[in-house]
Amino acid sequence: MISAATALGFSLVGFALPLASAIVHAQTIVDCLVWGLVALAVQIVVYWLVRIVMPNLSERIAAGEMAAALFLGAASLAAGIINAAAMTF
């Protein structure tokens, strides 16, 4: 299941980047939690948008389609990079 690991790995990095930015720049724990929830919400929205563009996304990844996995992973990573850069405190 290399395709599933690829999609998950890129998605985790896409989530970790804004979370790391929140940890570094947050003034309080509440700030960190709020920005962490924003990062999670962005990743969920990206997943649903990719599902609109690519129907049967989960099935395709489970079937080993690397194109679907890489598309989801790249979208998650791009959103995470933009999200991390957009966080201002």
C-alpha atoms as a PDB file:
ATOM      1  CA  MET A   1       0.000   0.000   0.000  1.00  0.00           C
ATOM      2  CA  ILE A   2       2.628   2.509  -1.042  1.00  0.00           C
ATOM      3  CA  SER A   3      -0.053   4.795  -2.464  1.00  0.00           C
ATOM      4  CA  ALA A   4      -1.851   5.014   0.889  1.00  0.00           C
ATOM      5  CA  ALA A   5       1.395   5.679   2.723  1.00  0.00           C
ATOM      6  CA  THR A   6       2.295   8.375   0.204  1.00  0.00           C
ATOM      7  CA  ALA A   7      -1.030  10.174   0.560  1.00  0.00           C
ATOM      8  CA  LEU A   8      -0.927   9.918   4.352  1.00  0.00           C
ATOM      9  CA  GLY A   9       2.692  11.046   4.563  1.00  0.00           C
ATOM     10  CA  PHE A  10       2.185  14.161   2.454  1.00  0.00           C
ATOM     11  CA  SER A  11      -1.052  14.951   4.296  1.00  0.00           C
ATOM     12  CA  LEU A  12       0.694  14.675   7.662  1.00  0.00           C
ATOM     13  CA  VAL A  13       3.443  17.028   6.524  1.00  0.00           C
ATOM     14  CA  GLY A  14       0.766  19.395   5.191  1.00  0.00           C
ATOM     15  CA  PHE A  15      -0.808  19.399   8.652  1.00  0.00           C
ATOM     16  CA  ALA A  16       2.464  19.529  10.584  1.00  0.00           C
ATOM     17  CA  LEU A  17       3.812  22.647   8.846  1.00  0.00           C
ATOM     18  CA  PRO A  18       1.075  25.047  10.000  1.00  0.00           C
ATOM     19  CA  LEU A  19       0.950  23.312  13.376  1.00  0.00           C
ATOM     20  CA  ALA A  20       4.688  23.893  13.816  1.00  0.00           C
ATOM     21  CA  SER A  21       4.227  27.521  12.806  1.00  0.00           C
ATOM     22  CA  ALA A  22       1.461  27.863  15.391  1.00  0.00           C
ATOM     23  CA  ILE A  23       3.638  26.328  18.089  1.00  0.00           C
ATOM     24  CA  VAL A  24       6.521  28.689  17.332  1.00  0.00           C
ATOM     25  CA  HIS A  25       4.479  31.870  17.041  1.00  0.00           C
ATOM     26  CA  ALA A  26       1.573  31.374  19.448  1.00  0.00           C
ATOM     27  CA  GLN A  27       1.416  33.633  22.455  1.00  0.00           C
ATOM     28  CA  THR A  28      -0.728  31.272  24.527  1.00  0.00           C
ATOM     29  CA  ILE A  29      -1.852  27.668  24.524  1.00  0.00           C
ATOM     30  CA  VAL A  30      -5.284  28.834  23.374  1.00  0.00           C
ATOM     31  CA  ASP A  31      -3.692  30.514  20.316  1.00  0.00           C
ATOM     32  CA  CYS A  32      -1.892  27.288  19.539  1.00  0.00           C
ATOM     33  CA  LEU A  33      -5.062  25.221  19.869  1.00  0.00           C
ATOM     34  CA  VAL A  34      -7.103  27.601  17.723  1.00  0.00           C
ATOM     35  CA  TRP A  35      -4.508  27.645  14.945  1.00  0.00           C
ATOM     36  CA  GLY A  36      -4.146  23.873  15.208  1.00  0.00           C
ATOM     37  CA  LEU A  37      -7.893  23.536  14.677  1.00  0.00           C
ATOM     38  CA  VAL A  38      -7.687  25.919  11.725  1.00  0.00           C
ATOM     39  CA  ALA A  39      -4.916  23.776  10.221  1.00  0.00           C
ATOM     40  CA  LEU A  40      -7.040  20.654  10.719  1.00  0.00           C
ATOM     41  CA  ALA A  41     -10.084  22.319   9.151  1.00  0.00           C
ATOM     42  CA  VAL A  42      -8.029  23.388   6.129  1.00  0.00           C
ATOM     43  CA  GLN A  43      -6.801  19.819   5.620  1.00  0.00           C
ATOM     44  CA  ILE A  44     -10.353  18.464   5.831  1.00  0.00           C
ATOM     45  CA  VAL A  45     -11.579  21.033   3.300  1.00  0.00           C
ATOM     46  CA  VAL A  46      -8.717  20.143   0.952  1.00  0.00           C
ATOM     47  CA  TYR A  47      -9.626  16.451   1.198  1.00  0.00           C
ATOM     48  CA  TRP A  48     -13.249  17.160   0.284  1.00  0.00           C
ATOM     49  CA  LEU A  49     -12.243  19.445  -2.587  1.00  0.00           C
ATOM     50  CA  VAL A  50      -9.933  16.771  -3.980  1.00  0.00           C
ATOM     51  CA  ARG A  51     -12.796  14.265  -3.709  1.00  0.00           C
ATOM     52  CA  ILE A  52     -14.907  16.568  -5.884  1.00  0.00           C
ATOM     53  CA  VAL A  53     -12.195  16.761  -8.531  1.00  0.00           C
ATOM     54  CA  MET A  54     -11.332  13.058  -8.316  1.00  0.00           C
ATOM     55  CA  PRO A  55     -14.356  10.849  -7.575  1.00  0.00           C
ATOM     56  CA  ASN A  56     -13.792   7.570  -5.716  1.00  0.00           C
ATOM     57  CA  LEU A  57     -10.582   8.953  -4.240  1.00  0.00           C
ATOM     58  CA  SER A  58     -10.378   6.539  -1.324  1.00  0.00           C
ATOM     59  CA  GLU A  59     -11.055   3.532  -3.532  1.00  0.00           C
ATOM     60  CA  ARG A  60      -8.435   4.656  -6.031  1.00  0.00           C
ATOM     61  CA  ILE A  61      -5.811   5.038  -3.328  1.00  0.00           C
ATOM     62  CA  ALA A  62      -6.760   1.665  -1.811  1.00  0.00           C
ATOM     63  CA  ALA A  63      -6.415   0.118  -5.281  1.00  0.00           C
ATOM     64  CA  GLY A  64      -2.853   1.404  -5.456  1.00  0.00           C
ATOM     65  CA  GLU A  65      -3.320   4.319  -7.862  1.00  0.00           C
ATOM     66  CA  MET A  66      -0.296   6.512  -7.207  1.00  0.00           C
ATOM     67  CA  ALA A  67      -1.718   9.392  -9.258  1.00  0.00           C
ATOM     68  CA  ALA A  68      -4.644   9.751  -6.863  1.00  0.00           C
ATOM     69  CA  ALA A  69      -2.366   9.458  -3.831  1.00  0.00           C
ATOM     70  CA  LEU A  70       0.100  12.011  -5.158  1.00  0.00           C
ATOM     71  CA  PHE A  71      -2.668  14.434  -6.123  1.00  0.00           C
ATOM     72  CA  LEU A  72      -4.170  14.297  -2.636  1.00  0.00           C
ATOM     73  CA  GLY A  73      -0.749  14.508  -1.016  1.00  0.00           C
ATOM     74  CA  ALA A  74       0.362  17.442  -3.161  1.00  0.00           C
ATOM     75  CA  ALA A  75      -2.883  19.326  -2.517  1.00  0.00           C
ATOM     76  CA  SER A  76      -2.569  18.741   1.235  1.00  0.00           C
ATOM     77  CA  LEU A  77       1.073  19.794   1.255  1.00  0.00           C
ATOM     78  CA  ALA A  78       0.397  22.925  -0.809  1.00  0.00           C
ATOM     79  CA  ALA A  79      -2.488  23.918   1.458  1.00  0.00           C
ATOM     80  CA  GLY A  80      -0.315  23.333   4.517  1.00  0.00           C
ATOM     81  CA  ILE A  81       2.504  25.490   3.171  1.00  0.00           C
ATOM     82  CA  ILE A  82       0.110  28.316   2.297  1.00  0.00           C
ATOM     83  CA  ASN A  83      -1.669  27.961   5.635  1.00  0.00           C
ATOM     84  CA  ALA A  84       1.607  28.103   7.566  1.00  0.00           C
ATOM     85  CA  ALA A  85       2.741  31.171   5.635  1.00  0.00           C
ATOM     86  CA  ALA A  86      -0.601  32.909   6.127  1.00  0.00           C
ATOM     87  CA  MET A  87      -0.597  32.580   9.908  1.00  0.00           C
ATOM     88  CA  THR A  88       0.119  35.940  11.458  1.00  0.00           C
ATOM     89  CA  PHE A  89       0.185  36.725  15.134  1.00  0.00           C
END
